[in-house]
Every structure is written in structure tokens, then in C-alpha cells.
N, C-alpha and C. Protein backbone atom coordinates (compact mmCIF):
# COMPACT_ATOMS: atom_id res chain seq x y z
N MET A 1 0.84 -1.19 0.00
CA MET A 1 0.00 0.00 0.00
C MET A 1 0.87 1.23 0.00
N GLY A 2 0.64 2.15 -0.88
CA GLY A 2 1.37 3.40 -0.88
C GLY A 2 0.92 4.27 0.26
N PHE A 3 1.84 5.10 0.75
CA PHE A 3 1.52 5.98 1.86
C PHE A 3 1.47 7.38 1.30
N SER A 4 0.26 7.83 0.94
CA SER A 4 0.09 9.06 0.19
C SER A 4 0.31 10.28 1.06
N ARG A 5 0.48 11.42 0.40
CA ARG A 5 0.64 12.68 1.12
C ARG A 5 -0.58 12.98 1.97
N SER A 6 -1.78 12.59 1.48
CA SER A 6 -3.00 12.84 2.27
C SER A 6 -2.99 12.03 3.56
N VAL A 7 -2.44 10.79 3.51
CA VAL A 7 -2.36 9.98 4.71
C VAL A 7 -1.37 10.60 5.69
N PHE A 8 -0.23 11.11 5.16
CA PHE A 8 0.75 11.76 6.02
C PHE A 8 0.13 12.97 6.71
N ARG A 9 -0.64 13.77 5.92
CA ARG A 9 -1.32 14.92 6.51
C ARG A 9 -2.33 14.46 7.56
N GLY A 10 -2.95 13.30 7.30
CA GLY A 10 -3.91 12.78 8.27
C GLY A 10 -3.25 12.42 9.58
N LEU A 11 -2.04 11.84 9.52
CA LEU A 11 -1.31 11.53 10.74
C LEU A 11 -0.94 12.80 11.49
N LEU A 12 -0.50 13.81 10.73
CA LEU A 12 -0.17 15.08 11.37
C LEU A 12 -1.41 15.70 12.00
N GLY A 13 -2.53 15.66 11.27
CA GLY A 13 -3.76 16.20 11.82
C GLY A 13 -4.20 15.47 13.06
N GLY A 14 -3.94 14.17 13.09
CA GLY A 14 -4.32 13.38 14.25
C GLY A 14 -3.59 13.79 15.51
N LEU A 15 -2.42 14.43 15.34
CA LEU A 15 -1.68 14.88 16.49
C LEU A 15 -2.47 15.90 17.29
N ILE A 16 -3.32 16.67 16.63
CA ILE A 16 -4.15 17.64 17.33
C ILE A 16 -5.06 16.92 18.31
N VAL A 17 -5.62 15.79 17.84
CA VAL A 17 -6.49 15.01 18.71
C VAL A 17 -5.72 14.50 19.91
N VAL A 18 -4.47 14.04 19.67
CA VAL A 18 -3.65 13.54 20.76
C VAL A 18 -3.41 14.61 21.80
N VAL A 19 -2.99 15.81 21.33
CA VAL A 19 -2.69 16.90 22.25
C VAL A 19 -3.94 17.31 23.02
N MET A 20 -5.07 17.42 22.32
CA MET A 20 -6.31 17.80 23.00
C MET A 20 -6.72 16.74 24.01
N GLY A 21 -6.53 15.48 23.65
CA GLY A 21 -6.90 14.41 24.57
C GLY A 21 -6.10 14.44 25.84
N PHE A 22 -4.78 14.65 25.73
CA PHE A 22 -3.95 14.71 26.91
C PHE A 22 -4.26 15.96 27.73
N ALA A 23 -4.54 17.06 27.06
CA ALA A 23 -4.81 18.30 27.79
C ALA A 23 -6.08 18.17 28.61
N SER A 24 -7.12 17.57 28.01
CA SER A 24 -8.39 17.46 28.72
C SER A 24 -8.33 16.44 29.84
N SER A 25 -7.49 15.40 29.67
CA SER A 25 -7.47 14.33 30.68
C SER A 25 -6.98 14.83 32.02
N GLY A 26 -6.17 15.89 32.03
CA GLY A 26 -5.66 16.41 33.28
C GLY A 26 -6.74 17.00 34.16
N ASP A 27 -7.89 17.34 33.60
CA ASP A 27 -8.98 17.92 34.37
C ASP A 27 -9.93 16.87 34.93
N LEU A 28 -9.68 15.60 34.66
CA LEU A 28 -10.60 14.55 35.08
C LEU A 28 -10.34 14.17 36.53
N PRO A 29 -11.38 13.84 37.27
CA PRO A 29 -11.16 13.41 38.65
C PRO A 29 -10.50 12.05 38.69
N ALA A 30 -9.81 11.76 39.79
CA ALA A 30 -9.17 10.46 39.95
C ALA A 30 -10.21 9.35 39.94
N GLN A 31 -9.86 8.23 39.34
CA GLN A 31 -10.79 7.11 39.22
C GLN A 31 -10.38 6.00 40.18
N GLY A 32 -11.35 5.25 40.62
CA GLY A 32 -11.06 4.07 41.41
C GLY A 32 -10.56 2.95 40.52
N THR A 33 -10.06 1.87 41.14
CA THR A 33 -9.55 0.77 40.33
C THR A 33 -10.64 0.14 39.48
N ALA A 34 -11.88 0.20 39.93
CA ALA A 34 -12.97 -0.38 39.14
C ALA A 34 -13.18 0.35 37.84
N ASP A 35 -12.76 1.62 37.78
CA ASP A 35 -12.93 2.42 36.57
C ASP A 35 -11.69 2.38 35.69
N TYR A 36 -10.65 1.71 36.16
CA TYR A 36 -9.33 1.83 35.54
C TYR A 36 -9.34 1.59 34.04
N MET A 37 -9.97 0.48 33.63
CA MET A 37 -9.97 0.16 32.22
C MET A 37 -11.23 0.65 31.52
N HIS A 38 -12.37 0.58 32.20
CA HIS A 38 -13.64 0.81 31.53
C HIS A 38 -13.78 2.23 31.01
N ARG A 39 -13.32 3.20 31.78
CA ARG A 39 -13.52 4.59 31.39
C ARG A 39 -12.27 5.19 30.79
N GLY A 40 -11.16 4.45 30.78
CA GLY A 40 -9.97 4.88 30.06
C GLY A 40 -9.26 6.06 30.66
N HIS A 41 -9.49 6.34 31.96
CA HIS A 41 -8.85 7.50 32.57
C HIS A 41 -7.68 7.09 33.47
N GLY A 42 -7.37 5.82 33.52
CA GLY A 42 -6.27 5.39 34.37
C GLY A 42 -4.92 5.66 33.74
N PHE A 43 -4.91 6.06 32.48
CA PHE A 43 -3.64 6.26 31.77
C PHE A 43 -3.66 7.69 31.24
N VAL A 44 -3.33 8.63 32.11
CA VAL A 44 -3.49 10.03 31.75
C VAL A 44 -2.18 10.70 31.39
N GLU A 45 -1.06 10.06 31.68
CA GLU A 45 0.22 10.67 31.35
C GLU A 45 0.58 10.37 29.91
N ASP A 46 1.31 11.28 29.31
CA ASP A 46 1.75 11.09 27.93
C ASP A 46 2.63 9.85 27.85
N ASP A 47 2.45 9.07 26.82
CA ASP A 47 3.28 7.89 26.60
C ASP A 47 4.51 8.29 25.80
N ALA A 48 5.67 7.74 26.18
CA ALA A 48 6.92 8.16 25.56
C ALA A 48 6.95 7.85 24.06
N LEU A 49 6.42 6.70 23.66
CA LEU A 49 6.46 6.34 22.25
C LEU A 49 5.56 7.25 21.42
N ILE A 50 4.37 7.56 21.93
CA ILE A 50 3.47 8.45 21.20
C ILE A 50 4.06 9.86 21.16
N SER A 51 4.67 10.29 22.26
CA SER A 51 5.30 11.61 22.28
C SER A 51 6.41 11.70 21.23
N LEU A 52 7.21 10.64 21.14
CA LEU A 52 8.29 10.64 20.13
C LEU A 52 7.71 10.61 18.73
N PHE A 53 6.69 9.80 18.51
CA PHE A 53 6.03 9.72 17.21
C PHE A 53 5.56 11.11 16.77
N ARG A 54 4.90 11.81 17.68
CA ARG A 54 4.39 13.13 17.39
C ARG A 54 5.52 14.10 17.05
N SER A 55 6.58 14.07 17.86
CA SER A 55 7.70 14.99 17.67
C SER A 55 8.44 14.73 16.36
N VAL A 56 8.68 13.46 16.05
CA VAL A 56 9.42 13.13 14.83
C VAL A 56 8.64 13.53 13.59
N LEU A 57 7.33 13.31 13.59
CA LEU A 57 6.53 13.73 12.44
C LEU A 57 6.61 15.24 12.22
N VAL A 58 6.58 15.99 13.31
CA VAL A 58 6.65 17.45 13.19
C VAL A 58 8.01 17.87 12.63
N HIS A 59 9.09 17.28 13.15
CA HIS A 59 10.43 17.63 12.66
C HIS A 59 10.64 17.18 11.21
N ALA A 60 10.10 16.00 10.86
CA ALA A 60 10.22 15.54 9.48
C ALA A 60 9.47 16.48 8.53
N ASN A 61 8.29 16.88 8.92
CA ASN A 61 7.52 17.79 8.08
C ASN A 61 8.22 19.14 7.92
N ALA A 62 8.99 19.54 8.96
CA ALA A 62 9.73 20.81 8.91
C ALA A 62 11.07 20.67 8.21
N GLY A 63 11.46 19.43 7.86
CA GLY A 63 12.74 19.22 7.18
C GLY A 63 13.94 19.23 8.11
N ASP A 64 13.72 19.06 9.41
CA ASP A 64 14.81 19.05 10.39
C ASP A 64 15.28 17.61 10.58
N TRP A 65 16.04 17.11 9.62
CA TRP A 65 16.38 15.70 9.60
C TRP A 65 17.44 15.32 10.62
N SER A 66 18.29 16.24 11.02
CA SER A 66 19.26 15.92 12.07
C SER A 66 18.54 15.62 13.39
N GLU A 67 17.48 16.38 13.68
CA GLU A 67 16.72 16.14 14.89
C GLU A 67 15.91 14.85 14.77
N VAL A 68 15.39 14.58 13.57
CA VAL A 68 14.69 13.31 13.35
C VAL A 68 15.62 12.14 13.64
N ALA A 69 16.84 12.20 13.09
CA ALA A 69 17.81 11.11 13.29
C ALA A 69 18.16 10.96 14.77
N ARG A 70 18.33 12.09 15.46
CA ARG A 70 18.69 12.03 16.88
C ARG A 70 17.60 11.36 17.69
N LYS A 71 16.36 11.74 17.44
CA LYS A 71 15.25 11.18 18.20
C LYS A 71 15.06 9.69 17.88
N ILE A 72 15.20 9.33 16.62
CA ILE A 72 15.02 7.92 16.25
C ILE A 72 16.09 7.06 16.89
N GLN A 73 17.29 7.60 17.03
CA GLN A 73 18.38 6.83 17.63
C GLN A 73 18.04 6.40 19.06
N THR A 74 17.24 7.19 19.75
CA THR A 74 16.87 6.83 21.12
C THR A 74 15.98 5.59 21.15
N LEU A 75 15.43 5.21 20.01
CA LEU A 75 14.56 4.03 19.94
C LEU A 75 15.33 2.74 19.71
N ASP A 76 16.66 2.81 19.56
CA ASP A 76 17.43 1.62 19.20
C ASP A 76 17.14 0.40 20.08
N PRO A 77 17.10 0.54 21.41
CA PRO A 77 16.81 -0.67 22.22
C PRO A 77 15.45 -1.27 21.90
N GLN A 78 14.44 -0.42 21.70
CA GLN A 78 13.11 -0.93 21.36
C GLN A 78 13.12 -1.61 20.00
N LEU A 79 13.77 -0.98 19.03
CA LEU A 79 13.77 -1.54 17.68
C LEU A 79 14.50 -2.88 17.65
N ASP A 80 15.58 -2.99 18.43
CA ASP A 80 16.28 -4.28 18.52
C ASP A 80 15.36 -5.33 19.15
N ARG A 81 14.61 -4.91 20.14
CA ARG A 81 13.68 -5.84 20.80
C ARG A 81 12.59 -6.29 19.85
N TYR A 82 12.03 -5.37 19.08
CA TYR A 82 10.99 -5.71 18.11
C TYR A 82 11.54 -6.66 17.05
N HIS A 83 12.80 -6.43 16.66
CA HIS A 83 13.42 -7.31 15.67
C HIS A 83 13.49 -8.74 16.21
N THR A 84 13.87 -8.85 17.48
CA THR A 84 13.97 -10.17 18.10
C THR A 84 12.61 -10.83 18.25
N LEU A 85 11.64 -10.07 18.71
CA LEU A 85 10.32 -10.64 18.99
C LEU A 85 9.53 -10.96 17.72
N PHE A 86 9.59 -10.03 16.74
CA PHE A 86 8.68 -10.12 15.60
C PHE A 86 9.39 -10.25 14.25
N ASN A 87 10.72 -10.31 14.28
CA ASN A 87 11.49 -10.45 13.05
C ASN A 87 11.18 -9.33 12.05
N VAL A 88 11.05 -8.12 12.56
CA VAL A 88 10.81 -6.95 11.72
C VAL A 88 11.97 -5.97 11.93
N ASP A 89 12.69 -5.68 10.86
CA ASP A 89 13.87 -4.80 10.96
C ASP A 89 13.44 -3.35 10.70
N ALA A 90 12.72 -2.78 11.66
CA ALA A 90 12.25 -1.40 11.50
C ALA A 90 13.39 -0.40 11.55
N LYS A 91 14.49 -0.75 12.21
CA LYS A 91 15.62 0.18 12.32
C LYS A 91 16.21 0.48 10.94
N THR A 92 16.46 -0.56 10.16
CA THR A 92 17.02 -0.35 8.82
C THR A 92 16.06 0.43 7.95
N GLN A 93 14.78 0.12 8.04
CA GLN A 93 13.78 0.83 7.26
C GLN A 93 13.78 2.32 7.59
N LEU A 94 13.82 2.63 8.86
CA LEU A 94 13.81 4.04 9.27
C LEU A 94 15.09 4.75 8.88
N GLN A 95 16.22 4.09 9.07
CA GLN A 95 17.49 4.72 8.70
C GLN A 95 17.53 5.05 7.22
N ARG A 96 16.98 4.17 6.40
CA ARG A 96 16.95 4.41 4.96
C ARG A 96 16.06 5.60 4.62
N SER A 97 14.89 5.67 5.24
CA SER A 97 13.97 6.77 4.94
C SER A 97 14.52 8.10 5.42
N ILE A 98 15.24 8.09 6.54
CA ILE A 98 15.84 9.33 7.04
C ILE A 98 16.99 9.77 6.14
N ALA A 99 17.81 8.81 5.70
CA ALA A 99 18.91 9.14 4.79
C ALA A 99 18.39 9.75 3.49
N GLN A 100 17.23 9.29 3.05
CA GLN A 100 16.62 9.81 1.82
C GLN A 100 15.78 11.05 2.08
N ARG A 101 15.67 11.45 3.34
CA ARG A 101 14.84 12.61 3.73
C ARG A 101 13.43 12.49 3.17
N ASP A 102 12.88 11.32 3.35
CA ASP A 102 11.56 11.00 2.83
C ASP A 102 10.55 11.04 3.97
N ALA A 103 9.80 12.12 4.06
CA ALA A 103 8.86 12.27 5.17
C ALA A 103 7.75 11.23 5.13
N ASN A 104 7.29 10.88 3.94
CA ASN A 104 6.19 9.91 3.82
C ASN A 104 6.60 8.53 4.33
N SER A 105 7.76 8.04 3.89
CA SER A 105 8.17 6.71 4.34
C SER A 105 8.56 6.73 5.82
N THR A 106 9.09 7.85 6.30
CA THR A 106 9.38 7.96 7.73
C THR A 106 8.10 7.84 8.53
N ALA A 107 7.05 8.50 8.09
CA ALA A 107 5.75 8.40 8.77
C ALA A 107 5.22 6.97 8.73
N ARG A 108 5.40 6.30 7.60
CA ARG A 108 4.95 4.91 7.47
C ARG A 108 5.61 4.03 8.51
N TYR A 109 6.94 4.13 8.61
CA TYR A 109 7.66 3.24 9.51
C TYR A 109 7.48 3.64 10.97
N LEU A 110 7.25 4.91 11.23
CA LEU A 110 6.91 5.31 12.59
C LEU A 110 5.58 4.68 13.02
N ALA A 111 4.61 4.70 12.12
CA ALA A 111 3.33 4.06 12.43
C ALA A 111 3.53 2.58 12.69
N GLU A 112 4.42 1.95 11.94
CA GLU A 112 4.68 0.53 12.16
C GLU A 112 5.32 0.30 13.52
N ILE A 113 6.19 1.21 13.94
CA ILE A 113 6.82 1.06 15.25
C ILE A 113 5.77 1.13 16.36
N VAL A 114 4.82 2.04 16.22
CA VAL A 114 3.74 2.12 17.21
C VAL A 114 2.93 0.82 17.21
N TYR A 115 2.68 0.29 16.02
CA TYR A 115 1.98 -1.00 15.91
C TYR A 115 2.76 -2.11 16.61
N LEU A 116 4.09 -2.13 16.40
CA LEU A 116 4.91 -3.13 17.07
C LEU A 116 4.89 -2.94 18.59
N GLY A 117 4.82 -1.68 19.02
CA GLY A 117 4.69 -1.42 20.45
C GLY A 117 3.39 -1.99 21.00
N MET A 118 2.32 -1.87 20.22
CA MET A 118 1.05 -2.46 20.61
C MET A 118 1.18 -3.98 20.70
N ARG A 119 1.80 -4.58 19.70
CA ARG A 119 1.98 -6.03 19.69
C ARG A 119 2.82 -6.50 20.87
N GLU A 120 3.83 -5.71 21.22
CA GLU A 120 4.67 -6.09 22.36
C GLU A 120 3.85 -6.15 23.65
N GLU A 121 2.95 -5.20 23.84
CA GLU A 121 2.11 -5.23 25.03
C GLU A 121 1.27 -6.51 25.06
N PHE A 122 0.69 -6.87 23.92
CA PHE A 122 -0.07 -8.12 23.84
C PHE A 122 0.84 -9.31 24.20
N TYR A 123 2.04 -9.31 23.63
CA TYR A 123 2.97 -10.42 23.81
C TYR A 123 3.33 -10.59 25.29
N VAL A 124 3.66 -9.49 25.96
CA VAL A 124 4.08 -9.57 27.36
C VAL A 124 2.93 -10.06 28.24
N ILE A 125 1.73 -9.57 27.98
CA ILE A 125 0.57 -10.03 28.77
C ILE A 125 0.42 -11.54 28.64
N ALA A 126 0.47 -12.04 27.41
CA ALA A 126 0.30 -13.48 27.20
C ALA A 126 1.48 -14.27 27.75
N ASP A 127 2.71 -13.75 27.56
CA ASP A 127 3.90 -14.45 28.02
C ASP A 127 3.91 -14.57 29.54
N ASN A 128 3.34 -13.59 30.23
CA ASN A 128 3.24 -13.63 31.69
C ASN A 128 2.03 -14.43 32.17
N LYS A 129 1.29 -15.01 31.24
CA LYS A 129 0.10 -15.81 31.55
C LYS A 129 -0.93 -15.01 32.34
N MET A 130 -0.92 -13.68 32.13
CA MET A 130 -1.89 -12.79 32.76
C MET A 130 -1.91 -12.96 34.28
N SER A 131 -0.73 -13.22 34.85
CA SER A 131 -0.64 -13.50 36.28
C SER A 131 -0.89 -12.27 37.14
N ASP A 132 -0.59 -11.10 36.64
CA ASP A 132 -0.81 -9.85 37.38
C ASP A 132 -1.88 -9.07 36.61
N VAL A 133 -3.11 -9.11 37.11
CA VAL A 133 -4.23 -8.52 36.37
C VAL A 133 -4.09 -7.00 36.26
N ILE A 134 -3.61 -6.35 37.31
CA ILE A 134 -3.45 -4.91 37.27
C ILE A 134 -2.45 -4.52 36.19
N GLU A 135 -1.31 -5.21 36.16
CA GLU A 135 -0.30 -4.91 35.14
C GLU A 135 -0.84 -5.23 33.75
N ALA A 136 -1.55 -6.35 33.63
CA ALA A 136 -2.09 -6.73 32.32
C ALA A 136 -3.08 -5.70 31.81
N LYS A 137 -3.94 -5.20 32.70
CA LYS A 137 -4.90 -4.18 32.28
C LYS A 137 -4.18 -2.89 31.87
N SER A 138 -3.13 -2.55 32.58
CA SER A 138 -2.36 -1.36 32.24
C SER A 138 -1.72 -1.52 30.86
N ARG A 139 -1.16 -2.69 30.61
CA ARG A 139 -0.54 -2.93 29.29
C ARG A 139 -1.58 -2.93 28.18
N LEU A 140 -2.73 -3.52 28.46
CA LEU A 140 -3.78 -3.54 27.43
C LEU A 140 -4.28 -2.12 27.15
N LEU A 141 -4.38 -1.32 28.19
CA LEU A 141 -4.79 0.06 28.00
C LEU A 141 -3.77 0.82 27.16
N ARG A 142 -2.48 0.56 27.42
CA ARG A 142 -1.44 1.20 26.60
C ARG A 142 -1.54 0.75 25.15
N ALA A 143 -1.77 -0.54 24.93
CA ALA A 143 -1.93 -1.04 23.57
C ALA A 143 -3.09 -0.35 22.87
N LYS A 144 -4.20 -0.18 23.57
CA LYS A 144 -5.35 0.50 22.97
C LYS A 144 -5.06 1.97 22.71
N LEU A 145 -4.28 2.57 23.59
CA LEU A 145 -3.87 3.95 23.37
C LEU A 145 -3.08 4.07 22.07
N TYR A 146 -2.17 3.13 21.83
CA TYR A 146 -1.40 3.14 20.59
C TYR A 146 -2.32 3.05 19.38
N TYR A 147 -3.30 2.16 19.48
CA TYR A 147 -4.24 2.04 18.37
C TYR A 147 -5.06 3.31 18.20
N ASP A 148 -5.67 3.77 19.29
CA ASP A 148 -6.60 4.90 19.20
C ASP A 148 -5.92 6.17 18.70
N ARG A 149 -4.71 6.42 19.16
CA ARG A 149 -4.10 7.73 18.92
C ARG A 149 -3.19 7.78 17.71
N VAL A 150 -2.86 6.64 17.15
CA VAL A 150 -1.98 6.64 15.97
C VAL A 150 -2.59 5.89 14.80
N LEU A 151 -3.12 4.71 15.03
CA LEU A 151 -3.51 3.82 13.94
C LEU A 151 -4.98 3.91 13.55
N ALA A 152 -5.83 4.29 14.49
CA ALA A 152 -7.27 4.20 14.26
C ALA A 152 -7.76 5.14 13.16
N GLY A 153 -7.14 6.30 13.03
CA GLY A 153 -7.62 7.28 12.05
C GLY A 153 -7.68 6.73 10.65
N ASN A 154 -6.62 6.07 10.20
CA ASN A 154 -6.60 5.51 8.85
C ASN A 154 -7.54 4.32 8.72
N VAL A 155 -7.68 3.54 9.81
CA VAL A 155 -8.62 2.42 9.78
C VAL A 155 -10.04 2.95 9.58
N MET A 156 -10.42 3.98 10.33
CA MET A 156 -11.77 4.52 10.23
C MET A 156 -12.01 5.16 8.87
N ARG A 157 -11.01 5.82 8.32
CA ARG A 157 -11.18 6.44 7.00
C ARG A 157 -11.41 5.40 5.92
N ARG A 158 -10.78 4.25 6.07
CA ARG A 158 -10.91 3.22 5.04
C ARG A 158 -12.12 2.32 5.26
N ASN A 159 -12.42 2.03 6.52
CA ASN A 159 -13.50 1.08 6.79
C ASN A 159 -13.95 1.23 8.24
N ALA A 160 -15.04 1.97 8.43
CA ALA A 160 -15.54 2.22 9.78
C ALA A 160 -15.95 0.93 10.48
N GLU A 161 -16.48 -0.02 9.73
CA GLU A 161 -16.89 -1.28 10.33
C GLU A 161 -15.69 -2.05 10.86
N ARG A 162 -14.56 -1.95 10.16
CA ARG A 162 -13.35 -2.62 10.63
C ARG A 162 -12.91 -2.03 11.98
N HIS A 163 -13.00 -0.71 12.08
CA HIS A 163 -12.66 -0.05 13.35
C HIS A 163 -13.57 -0.55 14.47
N GLU A 164 -14.84 -0.70 14.18
CA GLU A 164 -15.78 -1.19 15.20
C GLU A 164 -15.43 -2.62 15.60
N ARG A 165 -15.01 -3.43 14.65
CA ARG A 165 -14.62 -4.81 14.99
C ARG A 165 -13.38 -4.81 15.89
N ILE A 166 -12.44 -3.93 15.60
CA ILE A 166 -11.24 -3.83 16.43
C ILE A 166 -11.61 -3.41 17.85
N ALA A 167 -12.47 -2.41 17.96
CA ALA A 167 -12.91 -1.95 19.28
C ALA A 167 -13.57 -3.10 20.06
N ALA A 168 -14.38 -3.89 19.36
CA ALA A 168 -15.05 -5.02 20.01
C ALA A 168 -14.04 -6.06 20.48
N GLN A 169 -12.99 -6.29 19.71
CA GLN A 169 -11.97 -7.25 20.10
C GLN A 169 -11.17 -6.77 21.32
N PHE A 170 -10.97 -5.46 21.43
CA PHE A 170 -10.32 -4.94 22.63
C PHE A 170 -11.19 -5.22 23.86
N VAL A 171 -12.50 -5.10 23.72
CA VAL A 171 -13.40 -5.41 24.82
C VAL A 171 -13.29 -6.88 25.20
N LEU A 172 -13.24 -7.76 24.20
CA LEU A 172 -13.10 -9.19 24.47
C LEU A 172 -11.76 -9.50 25.13
N ALA A 173 -10.70 -8.80 24.68
CA ALA A 173 -9.38 -9.02 25.27
C ALA A 173 -9.38 -8.62 26.74
N GLU A 174 -10.04 -7.51 27.05
CA GLU A 174 -10.12 -7.08 28.45
C GLU A 174 -10.89 -8.10 29.28
N ALA A 175 -12.01 -8.56 28.76
CA ALA A 175 -12.81 -9.54 29.50
C ALA A 175 -12.01 -10.81 29.76
N ALA A 176 -11.17 -11.19 28.79
CA ALA A 176 -10.38 -12.41 28.92
C ALA A 176 -9.33 -12.32 30.03
N LEU A 177 -8.98 -11.11 30.44
CA LEU A 177 -8.02 -10.97 31.54
C LEU A 177 -8.60 -11.46 32.86
N GLY A 178 -9.94 -11.49 32.95
CA GLY A 178 -10.59 -11.98 34.15
C GLY A 178 -10.61 -10.94 35.26
N ASN A 179 -11.15 -11.34 36.41
CA ASN A 179 -11.24 -10.46 37.56
C ASN A 179 -11.19 -11.29 38.84
N PRO A 180 -10.00 -11.38 39.46
CA PRO A 180 -9.88 -12.14 40.71
C PRO A 180 -10.29 -11.30 41.92
N ALA A 181 -11.52 -10.80 41.88
CA ALA A 181 -12.09 -10.01 42.99
C ALA A 181 -11.35 -8.70 43.23
N LEU A 182 -10.70 -8.16 42.20
CA LEU A 182 -9.97 -6.90 42.35
C LEU A 182 -10.83 -5.70 41.97
N PHE A 183 -11.76 -5.89 41.05
CA PHE A 183 -12.55 -4.78 40.53
C PHE A 183 -14.00 -4.98 40.98
N ILE A 184 -14.46 -4.14 41.88
CA ILE A 184 -15.71 -4.40 42.57
C ILE A 184 -16.94 -4.28 41.69
N ASP A 185 -16.82 -3.62 40.54
CA ASP A 185 -18.00 -3.48 39.68
C ASP A 185 -18.06 -4.59 38.64
N LEU A 186 -17.19 -5.59 38.75
CA LEU A 186 -17.22 -6.74 37.86
C LEU A 186 -17.38 -8.02 38.67
N PRO A 187 -18.05 -9.01 38.10
CA PRO A 187 -18.11 -10.31 38.79
C PRO A 187 -16.73 -10.96 38.79
N ILE A 188 -16.51 -11.85 39.72
CA ILE A 188 -15.27 -12.61 39.73
C ILE A 188 -15.26 -13.52 38.50
N MET A 189 -14.18 -13.43 37.72
CA MET A 189 -14.10 -14.20 36.47
C MET A 189 -12.72 -14.83 36.35
N GLU A 190 -12.67 -16.01 35.82
CA GLU A 190 -11.40 -16.67 35.51
C GLU A 190 -10.78 -16.00 34.28
N SER A 191 -9.47 -15.98 34.26
CA SER A 191 -8.79 -15.48 33.06
C SER A 191 -8.86 -16.52 31.96
N ASP A 192 -8.74 -16.04 30.72
CA ASP A 192 -8.88 -16.91 29.56
C ASP A 192 -7.78 -16.56 28.57
N LEU A 193 -6.64 -17.24 28.71
CA LEU A 193 -5.47 -16.92 27.89
C LEU A 193 -5.77 -17.13 26.41
N ARG A 194 -6.41 -18.23 26.08
CA ARG A 194 -6.71 -18.48 24.67
C ARG A 194 -7.66 -17.42 24.11
N GLY A 195 -8.66 -17.04 24.89
CA GLY A 195 -9.56 -15.99 24.44
C GLY A 195 -8.84 -14.68 24.22
N PHE A 196 -7.90 -14.36 25.12
CA PHE A 196 -7.10 -13.14 24.97
C PHE A 196 -6.28 -13.19 23.69
N GLN A 197 -5.62 -14.30 23.45
CA GLN A 197 -4.79 -14.43 22.25
C GLN A 197 -5.63 -14.37 20.99
N ASN A 198 -6.79 -14.98 21.00
CA ASN A 198 -7.68 -14.92 19.82
C ASN A 198 -8.10 -13.49 19.53
N ALA A 199 -8.44 -12.74 20.59
CA ALA A 199 -8.89 -11.36 20.41
C ALA A 199 -7.76 -10.48 19.90
N THR A 200 -6.58 -10.61 20.47
CA THR A 200 -5.47 -9.74 20.07
C THR A 200 -4.96 -10.09 18.67
N ARG A 201 -4.99 -11.37 18.33
CA ARG A 201 -4.60 -11.73 16.97
C ARG A 201 -5.59 -11.19 15.95
N ALA A 202 -6.86 -11.18 16.32
CA ALA A 202 -7.87 -10.59 15.43
C ALA A 202 -7.63 -9.10 15.25
N ILE A 203 -7.25 -8.40 16.33
CA ILE A 203 -6.91 -6.98 16.23
C ILE A 203 -5.76 -6.78 15.26
N GLU A 204 -4.72 -7.58 15.40
CA GLU A 204 -3.55 -7.45 14.53
C GLU A 204 -3.92 -7.70 13.07
N ARG A 205 -4.73 -8.71 12.81
CA ARG A 205 -5.14 -9.01 11.43
C ARG A 205 -5.93 -7.85 10.83
N GLU A 206 -6.83 -7.29 11.60
CA GLU A 206 -7.66 -6.19 11.09
C GLU A 206 -6.79 -4.98 10.76
N ILE A 207 -5.84 -4.67 11.63
CA ILE A 207 -4.96 -3.52 11.38
C ILE A 207 -4.09 -3.77 10.16
N GLN A 208 -3.55 -4.97 10.04
CA GLN A 208 -2.70 -5.28 8.89
C GLN A 208 -3.46 -5.27 7.57
N SER A 209 -4.77 -5.44 7.64
CA SER A 209 -5.57 -5.36 6.43
C SER A 209 -5.61 -3.95 5.87
N VAL A 210 -5.36 -2.96 6.73
CA VAL A 210 -5.28 -1.56 6.29
C VAL A 210 -3.84 -1.15 6.05
N TYR A 211 -2.99 -1.42 7.01
CA TYR A 211 -1.57 -1.09 6.90
C TYR A 211 -0.85 -2.30 6.31
N THR A 212 -1.02 -2.49 5.04
CA THR A 212 -0.56 -3.74 4.41
C THR A 212 0.95 -3.85 4.32
N TYR A 213 1.67 -2.76 4.52
CA TYR A 213 3.13 -2.81 4.45
C TYR A 213 3.75 -3.22 5.79
N PHE A 214 2.98 -3.31 6.86
CA PHE A 214 3.54 -3.71 8.15
C PHE A 214 4.14 -5.10 8.04
N GLY A 215 5.35 -5.23 8.58
CA GLY A 215 6.03 -6.52 8.56
C GLY A 215 6.76 -6.81 7.28
N MET A 216 6.73 -5.84 6.35
CA MET A 216 7.40 -6.05 5.07
C MET A 216 8.89 -5.70 5.18
């Protein structure tokens, strides 16, 4: 799939939503643990990966490639980890696009890095066998943040029903984490590792149907 100038502008425009979302979240009252995942207010601080994504896109659009290269270099440990986990060499892809001063391809690979960050959260939750429900919910919320604030815009523009299916799978993934009497507004539920993996794999498939270059 080509990454058109209109899509790049769409990612830049989406940054406004990100900034507005973080600004408004600071005015929200503190939530109890029962509200942690359901109302999405338990994760109010800016995420480092989204912050970097936003900053690099702005610098790339301004033609400040030395700053783009500097910021991307800080991602080396993550990119090495993604290469090991998912066999995706995003580092080489990004280095090539930066050397060519190609803002469009840089935006493409940045979006892929955020997607890999989402996948890593899924992976860690499953690898830990969902043993710590609080941590698992926090990671799942971060994964959804990555989707909502970076990837969802293009999904919705191409296929609103696909976006709705992804949202539904996030709900199923959360339910699969279970509730060992920690969240008082939910019944006690056993965790369901297979159900979690099925839901998160469905999310990945739906996203890859739009971002067809991911993993290439």
C-alpha cells in the first residue's frame, strides 16, 4: 500500500487530537480501580512512544532531519527488541527513509513502530500468563492507546466497520483478563489466555488489512 501525502497529513492532523486528549485528561477526577480500564482514565500521562512519534513527524515535516535522526536513535533498544520478537527490521527501514529525507516513508515506519509497540504489550501479557491482572490491564490500555491515537484514524477512514470490529476485540481481550475479585464493579471471572490471544490476533489481522506494508 502506498503511503500518500494525504495519509501523512492525516497523521499530522491526528496529532491535534492527541494533544487535545492529553490536555483534557488532566482535568478529570481520579478514578477508582474499578474504573481503571472501563472509562480509560487510568492512563493520563503522555506515553513516551506516542510523544516521540508526534515529535518526529513534526520535525520531518519541517525538514529538520538531524533532529529526526537524533530522536530515532533513542529508539534503538526498542527496535532491537521488536526485531527479536517479531522479526521486523524497523531500524534499517527508518534509517533508509531518514537518509533519503523522505517524510512519507518515515511516517509509514513510525506508524509501524507504534503498531509493534502495541503487539509487544499483547505479547508480554500473554507471556506472563496474565498473572498480574493490574499490570495486564495497564498494558492492554497502553496497547489500545497506541491504536486509538496513531492507527485508528486511517482504519476509520478506510473502513468504519473494521474499526468497530477492532474496538469489540479490545473489549473481548479485556474480558479475557478476568477479575480475581480486584474490581468491585465486575463479577469474579477466571482469566482466559486463549480468548485473549484470539482477540489480540484478530486486532492485529484487522490492522494489517489496512496497513498492508507492516512486517514487510
